[in-house]
Amino acid sequence: MAESLASPVSLGEAIGWVGGPLSDLEGGDIGEVQSVYIDSTSHDPSWLVAKLAGSGRRERGARVVAVPVDFCAGAAGVGVWAAIDESRLRGAPVVDPSRPLLREHELTICDHFGIGEEVGRAAAVADLADGAITSIPPRS
């Protein structure tokens, strides 16, 4: 699986990506960045929320998924590139960006993206109590 990009993404930078296109590992346009989840304690960005475009087959509604912000690079007004292949993005667990993520949700999403509990976001939440709110939508 892809490894985290070198420079951490700031909250301002991640929020600047909202509304921009999301490209997969190969550079294909896969959707749009809808929002950002932030860590419930530090308020650093933890996930991008992306609404995925149709994949050419019949779908009921677009999938809304969390994408590891540490696997992304981009520029406001230009778009975001995720170091993740299209099939992994399309298979990601669906999220409701109006609701916070719990420890269990984040560990499931991390597992999907191959992020083991000893590194990155999984390590940040693994030792917390079941049911702990770990990421929240930013306040307007």
N, C-alpha and C. Protein backbone atom coordinates (compact mmCIF):
# COMPACT_ATOMS: atom_id res chain seq x y z
N MET A 1 0.84 -1.18 0.00
CA MET A 1 0.00 0.00 0.00
C MET A 1 0.88 1.23 0.00
N ALA A 2 0.33 2.33 -0.42
CA ALA A 2 1.04 3.59 -0.49
C ALA A 2 1.49 4.03 0.90
N GLU A 3 2.58 4.73 0.95
CA GLU A 3 3.06 5.26 2.22
C GLU A 3 2.71 6.73 2.30
N SER A 4 2.67 7.24 3.52
CA SER A 4 2.34 8.63 3.77
C SER A 4 3.32 9.55 3.03
N LEU A 5 2.81 10.64 2.48
CA LEU A 5 3.66 11.63 1.85
C LEU A 5 4.47 12.35 2.91
N ALA A 6 5.59 12.93 2.52
CA ALA A 6 6.57 13.47 3.46
C ALA A 6 6.05 14.62 4.33
N SER A 7 5.43 15.63 3.75
CA SER A 7 5.02 16.81 4.50
C SER A 7 3.60 16.67 5.02
N PRO A 8 3.41 16.92 6.33
CA PRO A 8 2.04 16.87 6.85
C PRO A 8 1.19 17.99 6.24
N VAL A 9 -0.08 17.70 6.08
CA VAL A 9 -1.02 18.65 5.50
C VAL A 9 -1.61 19.50 6.62
N SER A 10 -1.61 20.81 6.44
CA SER A 10 -2.21 21.69 7.45
C SER A 10 -3.72 21.71 7.26
N LEU A 11 -4.43 22.11 8.31
CA LEU A 11 -5.88 22.21 8.23
C LEU A 11 -6.30 23.22 7.16
N GLY A 12 -5.63 24.35 7.12
CA GLY A 12 -5.96 25.37 6.11
C GLY A 12 -5.77 24.84 4.70
N GLU A 13 -4.69 24.10 4.49
CA GLU A 13 -4.43 23.51 3.18
C GLU A 13 -5.53 22.51 2.82
N ALA A 14 -5.87 21.62 3.76
CA ALA A 14 -6.90 20.61 3.50
C ALA A 14 -8.26 21.25 3.22
N ILE A 15 -8.61 22.27 3.98
CA ILE A 15 -9.89 22.96 3.75
C ILE A 15 -9.88 23.65 2.39
N GLY A 16 -8.71 24.13 1.97
CA GLY A 16 -8.59 24.75 0.64
C GLY A 16 -8.84 23.77 -0.50
N TRP A 17 -8.72 22.48 -0.24
CA TRP A 17 -8.96 21.46 -1.27
C TRP A 17 -10.44 21.17 -1.46
N VAL A 18 -11.27 21.56 -0.49
CA VAL A 18 -12.71 21.27 -0.56
C VAL A 18 -13.29 21.91 -1.82
N GLY A 19 -14.06 21.12 -2.55
CA GLY A 19 -14.66 21.57 -3.80
C GLY A 19 -13.83 21.24 -5.03
N GLY A 20 -12.59 20.82 -4.81
CA GLY A 20 -11.72 20.48 -5.92
C GLY A 20 -11.84 19.03 -6.33
N PRO A 21 -11.34 18.71 -7.52
CA PRO A 21 -11.38 17.32 -7.99
C PRO A 21 -10.39 16.45 -7.23
N LEU A 22 -10.72 15.16 -7.13
CA LEU A 22 -9.85 14.17 -6.52
C LEU A 22 -9.40 13.21 -7.61
N SER A 23 -8.08 13.04 -7.73
CA SER A 23 -7.51 12.10 -8.70
C SER A 23 -6.92 10.92 -7.96
N ASP A 24 -6.96 9.76 -8.61
CA ASP A 24 -6.39 8.55 -8.03
C ASP A 24 -4.90 8.44 -8.35
N LEU A 25 -4.31 7.32 -8.00
CA LEU A 25 -2.88 7.07 -8.18
C LEU A 25 -2.43 7.29 -9.62
N GLU A 26 -3.26 6.89 -10.58
CA GLU A 26 -2.92 7.02 -12.00
C GLU A 26 -3.26 8.39 -12.57
N GLY A 27 -3.84 9.27 -11.76
CA GLY A 27 -4.18 10.61 -12.22
C GLY A 27 -5.58 10.73 -12.80
N GLY A 28 -6.36 9.64 -12.72
CA GLY A 28 -7.73 9.69 -13.22
C GLY A 28 -8.65 10.43 -12.27
N ASP A 29 -9.53 11.24 -12.83
CA ASP A 29 -10.50 11.99 -12.02
C ASP A 29 -11.51 11.00 -11.45
N ILE A 30 -11.56 10.90 -10.12
CA ILE A 30 -12.43 9.91 -9.48
C ILE A 30 -13.56 10.54 -8.68
N GLY A 31 -13.46 11.82 -8.37
CA GLY A 31 -14.53 12.44 -7.60
C GLY A 31 -14.17 13.85 -7.19
N GLU A 32 -14.81 14.27 -6.10
CA GLU A 32 -14.63 15.63 -5.60
C GLU A 32 -14.46 15.62 -4.09
N VAL A 33 -13.56 16.47 -3.60
CA VAL A 33 -13.37 16.61 -2.16
C VAL A 33 -14.56 17.42 -1.63
N GLN A 34 -15.29 16.81 -0.68
CA GLN A 34 -16.50 17.42 -0.14
C GLN A 34 -16.27 18.13 1.19
N SER A 35 -15.34 17.58 2.00
CA SER A 35 -15.16 18.08 3.35
C SER A 35 -13.86 17.50 3.91
N VAL A 36 -13.62 17.83 5.17
CA VAL A 36 -12.44 17.35 5.89
C VAL A 36 -12.87 16.90 7.27
N TYR A 37 -12.36 15.76 7.71
CA TYR A 37 -12.50 15.37 9.12
C TYR A 37 -11.24 15.85 9.83
N ILE A 38 -11.42 16.31 11.07
CA ILE A 38 -10.28 16.73 11.88
C ILE A 38 -10.21 15.87 13.15
N ASP A 39 -9.00 15.70 13.64
CA ASP A 39 -8.80 14.96 14.88
C ASP A 39 -9.57 15.67 15.99
N SER A 40 -10.30 14.91 16.80
CA SER A 40 -11.17 15.50 17.82
C SER A 40 -10.39 16.19 18.94
N THR A 41 -9.12 15.90 19.07
CA THR A 41 -8.31 16.52 20.12
C THR A 41 -7.38 17.61 19.57
N SER A 42 -6.58 17.25 18.57
CA SER A 42 -5.57 18.19 18.05
C SER A 42 -6.13 19.16 17.00
N HIS A 43 -7.24 18.80 16.39
CA HIS A 43 -7.86 19.55 15.29
C HIS A 43 -7.00 19.59 14.04
N ASP A 44 -6.05 18.67 13.92
CA ASP A 44 -5.29 18.49 12.68
C ASP A 44 -6.16 17.69 11.71
N PRO A 45 -6.00 17.90 10.41
CA PRO A 45 -6.81 17.13 9.46
C PRO A 45 -6.45 15.64 9.54
N SER A 46 -7.47 14.78 9.54
CA SER A 46 -7.23 13.35 9.61
C SER A 46 -7.69 12.63 8.33
N TRP A 47 -8.77 13.09 7.72
CA TRP A 47 -9.34 12.46 6.53
C TRP A 47 -9.92 13.51 5.60
N LEU A 48 -9.83 13.28 4.30
CA LEU A 48 -10.62 14.04 3.34
C LEU A 48 -11.90 13.25 3.12
N VAL A 49 -12.99 13.94 2.93
CA VAL A 49 -14.25 13.29 2.59
C VAL A 49 -14.45 13.54 1.10
N ALA A 50 -14.57 12.44 0.34
CA ALA A 50 -14.70 12.56 -1.11
C ALA A 50 -16.00 11.92 -1.59
N LYS A 51 -16.65 12.61 -2.50
CA LYS A 51 -17.83 12.06 -3.18
C LYS A 51 -17.30 11.51 -4.50
N LEU A 52 -17.40 10.19 -4.64
CA LEU A 52 -16.84 9.55 -5.82
C LEU A 52 -17.79 9.63 -7.00
N ALA A 53 -17.24 9.94 -8.16
CA ALA A 53 -18.02 9.99 -9.40
C ALA A 53 -18.36 8.56 -9.82
N GLY A 54 -19.37 8.43 -10.66
CA GLY A 54 -19.75 7.11 -11.18
C GLY A 54 -18.59 6.43 -11.88
N SER A 55 -18.59 5.12 -11.84
CA SER A 55 -17.49 4.36 -12.44
C SER A 55 -17.87 3.77 -13.79
N GLY A 56 -18.95 4.24 -14.37
CA GLY A 56 -19.35 3.74 -15.67
C GLY A 56 -20.41 2.64 -15.57
N ARG A 57 -20.56 2.07 -14.40
CA ARG A 57 -21.61 1.07 -14.24
C ARG A 57 -22.77 1.74 -13.50
N ARG A 58 -23.93 1.12 -13.54
CA ARG A 58 -25.09 1.70 -12.88
C ARG A 58 -24.89 1.71 -11.37
N GLU A 59 -25.06 2.87 -10.78
CA GLU A 59 -24.91 3.02 -9.34
C GLU A 59 -26.08 3.81 -8.79
N ARG A 60 -26.48 3.48 -7.59
CA ARG A 60 -27.51 4.27 -6.90
C ARG A 60 -26.80 5.28 -6.03
N GLY A 61 -26.81 6.50 -6.45
CA GLY A 61 -26.16 7.55 -5.67
C GLY A 61 -24.65 7.41 -5.65
N ALA A 62 -23.99 8.48 -5.36
CA ALA A 62 -22.54 8.47 -5.30
C ALA A 62 -22.08 8.01 -3.92
N ARG A 63 -20.95 7.34 -3.89
CA ARG A 63 -20.36 6.90 -2.63
C ARG A 63 -19.59 8.08 -2.01
N VAL A 64 -19.74 8.24 -0.71
CA VAL A 64 -18.99 9.24 0.04
C VAL A 64 -18.06 8.48 0.97
N VAL A 65 -16.76 8.70 0.80
CA VAL A 65 -15.76 7.93 1.54
C VAL A 65 -14.73 8.85 2.19
N ALA A 66 -14.04 8.31 3.19
CA ALA A 66 -12.93 9.01 3.83
C ALA A 66 -11.64 8.56 3.16
N VAL A 67 -10.78 9.52 2.84
CA VAL A 67 -9.49 9.25 2.20
C VAL A 67 -8.40 9.73 3.15
N PRO A 68 -7.38 8.91 3.42
CA PRO A 68 -6.32 9.35 4.35
C PRO A 68 -5.65 10.63 3.86
N VAL A 69 -5.74 11.68 4.62
CA VAL A 69 -5.18 12.97 4.22
C VAL A 69 -3.66 12.86 4.05
N ASP A 70 -3.03 11.96 4.80
CA ASP A 70 -1.57 11.80 4.69
C ASP A 70 -1.14 11.16 3.38
N PHE A 71 -2.09 10.61 2.62
CA PHE A 71 -1.78 10.00 1.33
C PHE A 71 -2.11 10.94 0.17
N CYS A 72 -2.36 12.23 0.48
CA CYS A 72 -2.82 13.18 -0.53
C CYS A 72 -1.87 14.37 -0.66
N ALA A 73 -1.87 14.94 -1.85
CA ALA A 73 -1.15 16.19 -2.13
C ALA A 73 -2.03 16.99 -3.08
N GLY A 74 -1.94 18.30 -2.98
CA GLY A 74 -2.78 19.10 -3.86
C GLY A 74 -2.54 20.57 -3.73
N ALA A 75 -3.37 21.32 -4.42
CA ALA A 75 -3.31 22.77 -4.38
C ALA A 75 -4.72 23.32 -4.50
N ALA A 76 -5.03 24.32 -3.69
CA ALA A 76 -6.35 24.95 -3.74
C ALA A 76 -6.62 25.43 -5.15
N GLY A 77 -7.82 25.19 -5.63
CA GLY A 77 -8.21 25.63 -6.95
C GLY A 77 -7.73 24.74 -8.08
N VAL A 78 -6.87 23.76 -7.77
CA VAL A 78 -6.33 22.87 -8.79
C VAL A 78 -6.87 21.46 -8.61
N GLY A 79 -6.75 20.95 -7.40
CA GLY A 79 -7.25 19.61 -7.11
C GLY A 79 -6.32 18.83 -6.22
N VAL A 80 -6.72 17.60 -5.93
CA VAL A 80 -6.00 16.74 -5.00
C VAL A 80 -5.67 15.43 -5.70
N TRP A 81 -4.46 14.95 -5.47
CA TRP A 81 -4.02 13.65 -5.96
C TRP A 81 -3.86 12.74 -4.76
N ALA A 82 -4.48 11.56 -4.82
CA ALA A 82 -4.35 10.57 -3.75
C ALA A 82 -3.44 9.45 -4.23
N ALA A 83 -2.47 9.08 -3.42
CA ALA A 83 -1.54 7.99 -3.75
C ALA A 83 -2.20 6.65 -3.45
N ILE A 84 -3.38 6.46 -4.05
CA ILE A 84 -4.21 5.27 -3.82
C ILE A 84 -4.84 4.90 -5.16
N ASP A 85 -4.88 3.60 -5.47
CA ASP A 85 -5.47 3.21 -6.75
C ASP A 85 -7.00 3.31 -6.71
N GLU A 86 -7.57 3.40 -7.90
CA GLU A 86 -9.01 3.63 -8.03
C GLU A 86 -9.85 2.55 -7.35
N SER A 87 -9.49 1.29 -7.51
CA SER A 87 -10.32 0.22 -6.93
C SER A 87 -10.33 0.29 -5.41
N ARG A 88 -9.20 0.65 -4.80
CA ARG A 88 -9.17 0.78 -3.35
C ARG A 88 -10.02 1.97 -2.90
N LEU A 89 -9.97 3.06 -3.62
CA LEU A 89 -10.81 4.22 -3.28
C LEU A 89 -12.28 3.87 -3.42
N ARG A 90 -12.64 3.23 -4.51
CA ARG A 90 -14.05 2.88 -4.74
C ARG A 90 -14.57 1.85 -3.73
N GLY A 91 -13.69 1.02 -3.19
CA GLY A 91 -14.10 0.02 -2.22
C GLY A 91 -14.06 0.48 -0.78
N ALA A 92 -13.69 1.74 -0.56
CA ALA A 92 -13.56 2.26 0.80
C ALA A 92 -14.91 2.28 1.51
N PRO A 93 -14.89 2.11 2.84
CA PRO A 93 -16.13 2.18 3.61
C PRO A 93 -16.80 3.56 3.44
N VAL A 94 -18.10 3.55 3.34
CA VAL A 94 -18.88 4.78 3.20
C VAL A 94 -18.94 5.50 4.55
N VAL A 95 -18.90 6.83 4.51
CA VAL A 95 -19.02 7.64 5.73
C VAL A 95 -20.14 8.65 5.57
N ASP A 96 -20.64 9.14 6.70
CA ASP A 96 -21.62 10.23 6.73
C ASP A 96 -20.88 11.45 7.28
N PRO A 97 -20.49 12.40 6.41
CA PRO A 97 -19.66 13.51 6.85
C PRO A 97 -20.32 14.46 7.85
N SER A 98 -21.60 14.27 8.11
CA SER A 98 -22.27 15.10 9.11
C SER A 98 -22.12 14.52 10.52
N ARG A 99 -21.57 13.31 10.60
CA ARG A 99 -21.42 12.62 11.89
C ARG A 99 -19.94 12.39 12.20
N PRO A 100 -19.58 12.40 13.47
CA PRO A 100 -18.18 12.12 13.82
C PRO A 100 -17.82 10.66 13.55
N LEU A 101 -16.53 10.42 13.46
CA LEU A 101 -16.03 9.05 13.34
C LEU A 101 -15.64 8.55 14.72
N LEU A 102 -15.99 7.32 14.99
CA LEU A 102 -15.58 6.66 16.23
C LEU A 102 -14.30 5.86 15.98
N ARG A 103 -13.64 5.51 17.07
CA ARG A 103 -12.41 4.71 16.99
C ARG A 103 -12.60 3.51 16.07
N GLU A 104 -13.71 2.78 16.23
CA GLU A 104 -13.94 1.57 15.44
C GLU A 104 -14.05 1.89 13.95
N HIS A 105 -14.72 3.00 13.62
CA HIS A 105 -14.85 3.41 12.22
C HIS A 105 -13.48 3.68 11.63
N GLU A 106 -12.69 4.44 12.37
CA GLU A 106 -11.37 4.79 11.84
C GLU A 106 -10.49 3.57 11.66
N LEU A 107 -10.54 2.64 12.59
CA LEU A 107 -9.72 1.44 12.44
C LEU A 107 -10.17 0.61 11.25
N THR A 108 -11.47 0.58 10.97
CA THR A 108 -11.98 -0.14 9.79
C THR A 108 -11.48 0.53 8.51
N ILE A 109 -11.55 1.85 8.48
CA ILE A 109 -11.08 2.59 7.30
C ILE A 109 -9.58 2.42 7.14
N CYS A 110 -8.84 2.52 8.23
CA CYS A 110 -7.39 2.33 8.18
C CYS A 110 -7.05 0.94 7.64
N ASP A 111 -7.74 -0.08 8.14
CA ASP A 111 -7.51 -1.44 7.68
C ASP A 111 -7.75 -1.55 6.18
N HIS A 112 -8.80 -0.92 5.70
CA HIS A 112 -9.10 -0.96 4.26
C HIS A 112 -7.93 -0.41 3.44
N PHE A 113 -7.32 0.67 3.93
CA PHE A 113 -6.22 1.31 3.21
C PHE A 113 -4.85 0.72 3.56
N GLY A 114 -4.83 -0.35 4.36
CA GLY A 114 -3.57 -1.01 4.68
C GLY A 114 -2.73 -0.27 5.70
N ILE A 115 -3.37 0.53 6.54
CA ILE A 115 -2.66 1.28 7.58
C ILE A 115 -2.73 0.45 8.86
N GLY A 116 -1.62 -0.17 9.23
CA GLY A 116 -1.58 -1.02 10.43
C GLY A 116 -1.67 -0.20 11.71
N GLU A 117 -2.09 -0.87 12.79
CA GLU A 117 -2.30 -0.17 14.06
C GLU A 117 -1.03 0.38 14.70
N GLU A 118 0.12 0.07 14.13
CA GLU A 118 1.36 0.59 14.71
C GLU A 118 1.85 1.86 14.02
N VAL A 119 1.14 2.34 13.00
CA VAL A 119 1.59 3.53 12.27
C VAL A 119 0.45 4.50 12.00
N GLY A 120 0.80 5.73 11.72
CA GLY A 120 -0.15 6.73 11.23
C GLY A 120 -1.40 6.90 12.06
N ARG A 121 -2.49 7.11 11.35
CA ARG A 121 -3.77 7.38 12.01
C ARG A 121 -4.23 6.22 12.87
N ALA A 122 -3.99 5.00 12.42
CA ALA A 122 -4.40 3.84 13.22
C ALA A 122 -3.69 3.84 14.57
N ALA A 123 -2.41 4.17 14.60
CA ALA A 123 -1.67 4.22 15.86
C ALA A 123 -2.21 5.31 16.77
N ALA A 124 -2.68 6.41 16.17
CA ALA A 124 -3.20 7.53 16.96
C ALA A 124 -4.50 7.17 17.67
N VAL A 125 -5.28 6.24 17.12
CA VAL A 125 -6.58 5.93 17.72
C VAL A 125 -6.67 4.54 18.33
N ALA A 126 -5.73 3.67 18.05
CA ALA A 126 -5.82 2.26 18.45
C ALA A 126 -5.97 2.05 19.95
N ASP A 127 -5.31 2.84 20.75
CA ASP A 127 -5.33 2.64 22.20
C ASP A 127 -6.47 3.37 22.91
N LEU A 128 -7.31 4.05 22.15
CA LEU A 128 -8.44 4.75 22.75
C LEU A 128 -9.57 3.76 23.05
N ALA A 129 -10.49 4.16 23.89
CA ALA A 129 -11.61 3.30 24.28
C ALA A 129 -12.57 3.08 23.12
N ASP A 130 -13.20 1.91 23.10
CA ASP A 130 -14.26 1.65 22.13
C ASP A 130 -15.32 2.74 22.27
N GLY A 131 -15.81 3.24 21.14
CA GLY A 131 -16.84 4.27 21.16
C GLY A 131 -16.30 5.68 21.27
N ALA A 132 -14.98 5.83 21.41
CA ALA A 132 -14.40 7.17 21.51
C ALA A 132 -14.57 7.91 20.19
N ILE A 133 -14.97 9.18 20.26
CA ILE A 133 -15.05 10.02 19.07
C ILE A 133 -13.63 10.48 18.75
N THR A 134 -13.17 10.13 17.55
CA THR A 134 -11.78 10.39 17.20
C THR A 134 -11.60 11.45 16.12
N SER A 135 -12.57 11.59 15.23
CA SER A 135 -12.51 12.62 14.18
C SER A 135 -13.88 13.26 14.04
N ILE A 136 -13.87 14.55 13.80
CA ILE A 136 -15.11 15.31 13.69
C ILE A 136 -15.09 16.19 12.45
N PRO A 137 -16.27 16.53 11.95
CA PRO A 137 -16.31 17.53 10.86
C PRO A 137 -15.88 18.88 11.45
N PRO A 138 -15.14 19.68 10.69
CA PRO A 138 -14.75 21.00 11.23
C PRO A 138 -15.97 21.88 11.42
N ARG A 139 -15.90 22.73 12.40
CA ARG A 139 -17.02 23.67 12.64
C ARG A 139 -16.95 24.76 11.60
N SER A 140 -18.12 25.21 11.18
CA SER A 140 -18.16 26.26 10.16
C SER A 140 -17.79 27.58 10.75
